[in-house]
Amino acid sequence: MKLFSVLLIGATLCFGAVDINKADKAQLMEIKGIGEAKANAILDYRKEHKCFNGVEEIKKVKGFGDKFLEKNKSNLEASSCKK
């Protein structure tokens, strides 16, 4: 199972950023610094607000701040969505 997780993380980093508007819990947890609780917080935010208007908006989710965004910005994207 660990090997599978490592391969998934590697594939994500090689093939592009994780879309915080479309990623499921497992995909979100592939990002360094996101565990189950933070992945759930992102999903809850999406349920309430429909989507993120940009990657910077992740800072509105409890537990995410400037340091997280600085370290992970290149691994994140926020596709457009209709509200």
C-alpha atoms as a PDB file:
ATOM      1  CA  MET A   1       0.000   0.000   0.000  1.00  0.00           C
ATOM      2  CA  LYS A   2       2.855   2.375   0.805  1.00  0.00           C
ATOM      3  CA  LEU A   3       4.434   1.688  -2.566  1.00  0.00           C
ATOM      4  CA  PHE A   4       1.165   2.498  -4.306  1.00  0.00           C
ATOM      5  CA  SER A   5       0.905   5.788  -2.413  1.00  0.00           C
ATOM      6  CA  VAL A   6       4.467   6.723  -3.315  1.00  0.00           C
ATOM      7  CA  LEU A   7       3.793   5.953  -6.972  1.00  0.00           C
ATOM      8  CA  LEU A   8       0.619   8.055  -6.923  1.00  0.00           C
ATOM      9  CA  ILE A   9       2.419  11.001  -5.380  1.00  0.00           C
ATOM     10  CA  GLY A  10       5.226  10.701  -7.896  1.00  0.00           C
ATOM     11  CA  ALA A  11       2.774  10.524 -10.787  1.00  0.00           C
ATOM     12  CA  THR A  12       0.933  13.594  -9.547  1.00  0.00           C
ATOM     13  CA  LEU A  13       4.123  15.591  -9.265  1.00  0.00           C
ATOM     14  CA  CYS A  14       5.298  14.464 -12.702  1.00  0.00           C
ATOM     15  CA  PHE A  15       2.061  15.000 -14.574  1.00  0.00           C
ATOM     16  CA  GLY A  16       0.786  18.202 -13.081  1.00  0.00           C
ATOM     17  CA  ALA A  17      -0.948  19.941 -10.294  1.00  0.00           C
ATOM     18  CA  VAL A  18      -3.861  18.697  -8.220  1.00  0.00           C
ATOM     19  CA  ASP A  19      -7.081  20.550  -9.012  1.00  0.00           C
ATOM     20  CA  ILE A  20      -8.546  21.575  -5.666  1.00  0.00           C
ATOM     21  CA  ASN A  21     -11.958  22.004  -7.303  1.00  0.00           C
ATOM     22  CA  LYS A  22     -12.115  18.451  -8.637  1.00  0.00           C
ATOM     23  CA  ALA A  23      -9.774  16.282  -6.561  1.00  0.00           C
ATOM     24  CA  ASP A  24     -11.215  13.608  -4.333  1.00  0.00           C
ATOM     25  CA  LYS A  25     -10.028  12.965  -0.795  1.00  0.00           C
ATOM     26  CA  ALA A  26      -7.261  10.548  -1.816  1.00  0.00           C
ATOM     27  CA  GLN A  27      -5.893  12.943  -4.427  1.00  0.00           C
ATOM     28  CA  LEU A  28      -5.869  15.809  -1.943  1.00  0.00           C
ATOM     29  CA  MET A  29      -4.005  13.666   0.574  1.00  0.00           C
ATOM     30  CA  GLU A  30      -1.208  13.184  -1.963  1.00  0.00           C
ATOM     31  CA  ILE A  31      -0.196  16.815  -1.429  1.00  0.00           C
ATOM     32  CA  LYS A  32       2.503  17.331   1.180  1.00  0.00           C
ATOM     33  CA  GLY A  33       0.943  18.712   4.346  1.00  0.00           C
ATOM     34  CA  ILE A  34      -2.582  17.445   3.673  1.00  0.00           C
ATOM     35  CA  GLY A  35      -3.835  14.581   5.766  1.00  0.00           C
ATOM     36  CA  GLU A  36      -7.339  13.235   6.197  1.00  0.00           C
ATOM     37  CA  ALA A  37      -8.608  16.132   8.337  1.00  0.00           C
ATOM     38  CA  LYS A  38      -7.355  18.834   5.967  1.00  0.00           C
ATOM     39  CA  ALA A  39      -8.635  16.945   2.924  1.00  0.00           C
ATOM     40  CA  ASN A  40     -12.052  16.784   4.595  1.00  0.00           C
ATOM     41  CA  ALA A  41     -11.862  20.521   5.331  1.00  0.00           C
ATOM     42  CA  ILE A  42     -11.254  21.233   1.633  1.00  0.00           C
ATOM     43  CA  LEU A  43     -14.164  19.014   0.617  1.00  0.00           C
ATOM     44  CA  ASP A  44     -16.418  20.713   3.183  1.00  0.00           C
ATOM     45  CA  TYR A  45     -15.419  24.134   1.833  1.00  0.00           C
ATOM     46  CA  ARG A  46     -16.290  22.999  -1.680  1.00  0.00           C
ATOM     47  CA  LYS A  47     -19.689  21.749  -0.533  1.00  0.00           C
ATOM     48  CA  GLU A  48     -20.457  25.105   1.055  1.00  0.00           C
ATOM     49  CA  HIS A  49     -18.965  27.420  -1.598  1.00  0.00           C
ATOM     50  CA  LYS A  50     -19.232  25.234  -4.745  1.00  0.00           C
ATOM     51  CA  CYS A  51     -15.573  25.838  -5.665  1.00  0.00           C
ATOM     52  CA  PHE A  52     -12.373  27.769  -5.099  1.00  0.00           C
ATOM     53  CA  ASN A  53     -12.035  30.872  -7.280  1.00  0.00           C
ATOM     54  CA  GLY A  54      -8.272  30.464  -7.252  1.00  0.00           C
ATOM     55  CA  VAL A  55      -5.508  28.615  -5.456  1.00  0.00           C
ATOM     56  CA  GLU A  56      -5.045  31.538  -3.030  1.00  0.00           C
ATOM     57  CA  GLU A  57      -8.560  30.943  -1.704  1.00  0.00           C
ATOM     58  CA  ILE A  58      -7.395  27.757   0.022  1.00  0.00           C
ATOM     59  CA  LYS A  59      -6.166  30.049   2.798  1.00  0.00           C
ATOM     60  CA  LYS A  60      -9.819  30.556   3.756  1.00  0.00           C
ATOM     61  CA  VAL A  61      -9.929  26.906   4.854  1.00  0.00           C
ATOM     62  CA  LYS A  62      -8.936  26.352   8.490  1.00  0.00           C
ATOM     63  CA  GLY A  63      -5.425  24.953   8.721  1.00  0.00           C
ATOM     64  CA  PHE A  64      -4.104  26.470   5.508  1.00  0.00           C
ATOM     65  CA  GLY A  65      -2.018  29.595   5.403  1.00  0.00           C
ATOM     66  CA  ASP A  66       0.770  31.400   3.623  1.00  0.00           C
ATOM     67  CA  LYS A  67       3.414  28.775   4.448  1.00  0.00           C
ATOM     68  CA  PHE A  68       1.329  25.927   3.035  1.00  0.00           C
ATOM     69  CA  LEU A  69       0.566  27.879  -0.119  1.00  0.00           C
ATOM     70  CA  GLU A  70       4.190  28.924  -0.593  1.00  0.00           C
ATOM     71  CA  LYS A  71       5.363  25.301  -0.373  1.00  0.00           C
ATOM     72  CA  ASN A  72       2.622  23.819  -2.552  1.00  0.00           C
ATOM     73  CA  LYS A  73       1.474  26.481  -5.004  1.00  0.00           C
ATOM     74  CA  SER A  74       3.184  24.793  -7.951  1.00  0.00           C
ATOM     75  CA  ASN A  75       1.368  21.531  -7.124  1.00  0.00           C
ATOM     76  CA  LEU A  76      -2.100  23.118  -6.960  1.00  0.00           C
ATOM     77  CA  GLU A  77      -4.581  24.495  -9.458  1.00  0.00           C
ATOM     78  CA  ALA A  78      -8.171  25.629  -9.249  1.00  0.00           C
ATOM     79  CA  SER A  79     -10.172  25.001 -12.390  1.00  0.00           C
ATOM     80  CA  SER A  80     -13.022  27.315 -13.177  1.00  0.00           C
ATOM     81  CA  CYS A  81     -16.498  26.317 -12.137  1.00  0.00           C
ATOM     82  CA  LYS A  82     -20.006  27.663 -12.267  1.00  0.00           C
ATOM     83  CA  LYS A  83     -21.466  28.781  -8.973  1.00  0.00           C
END
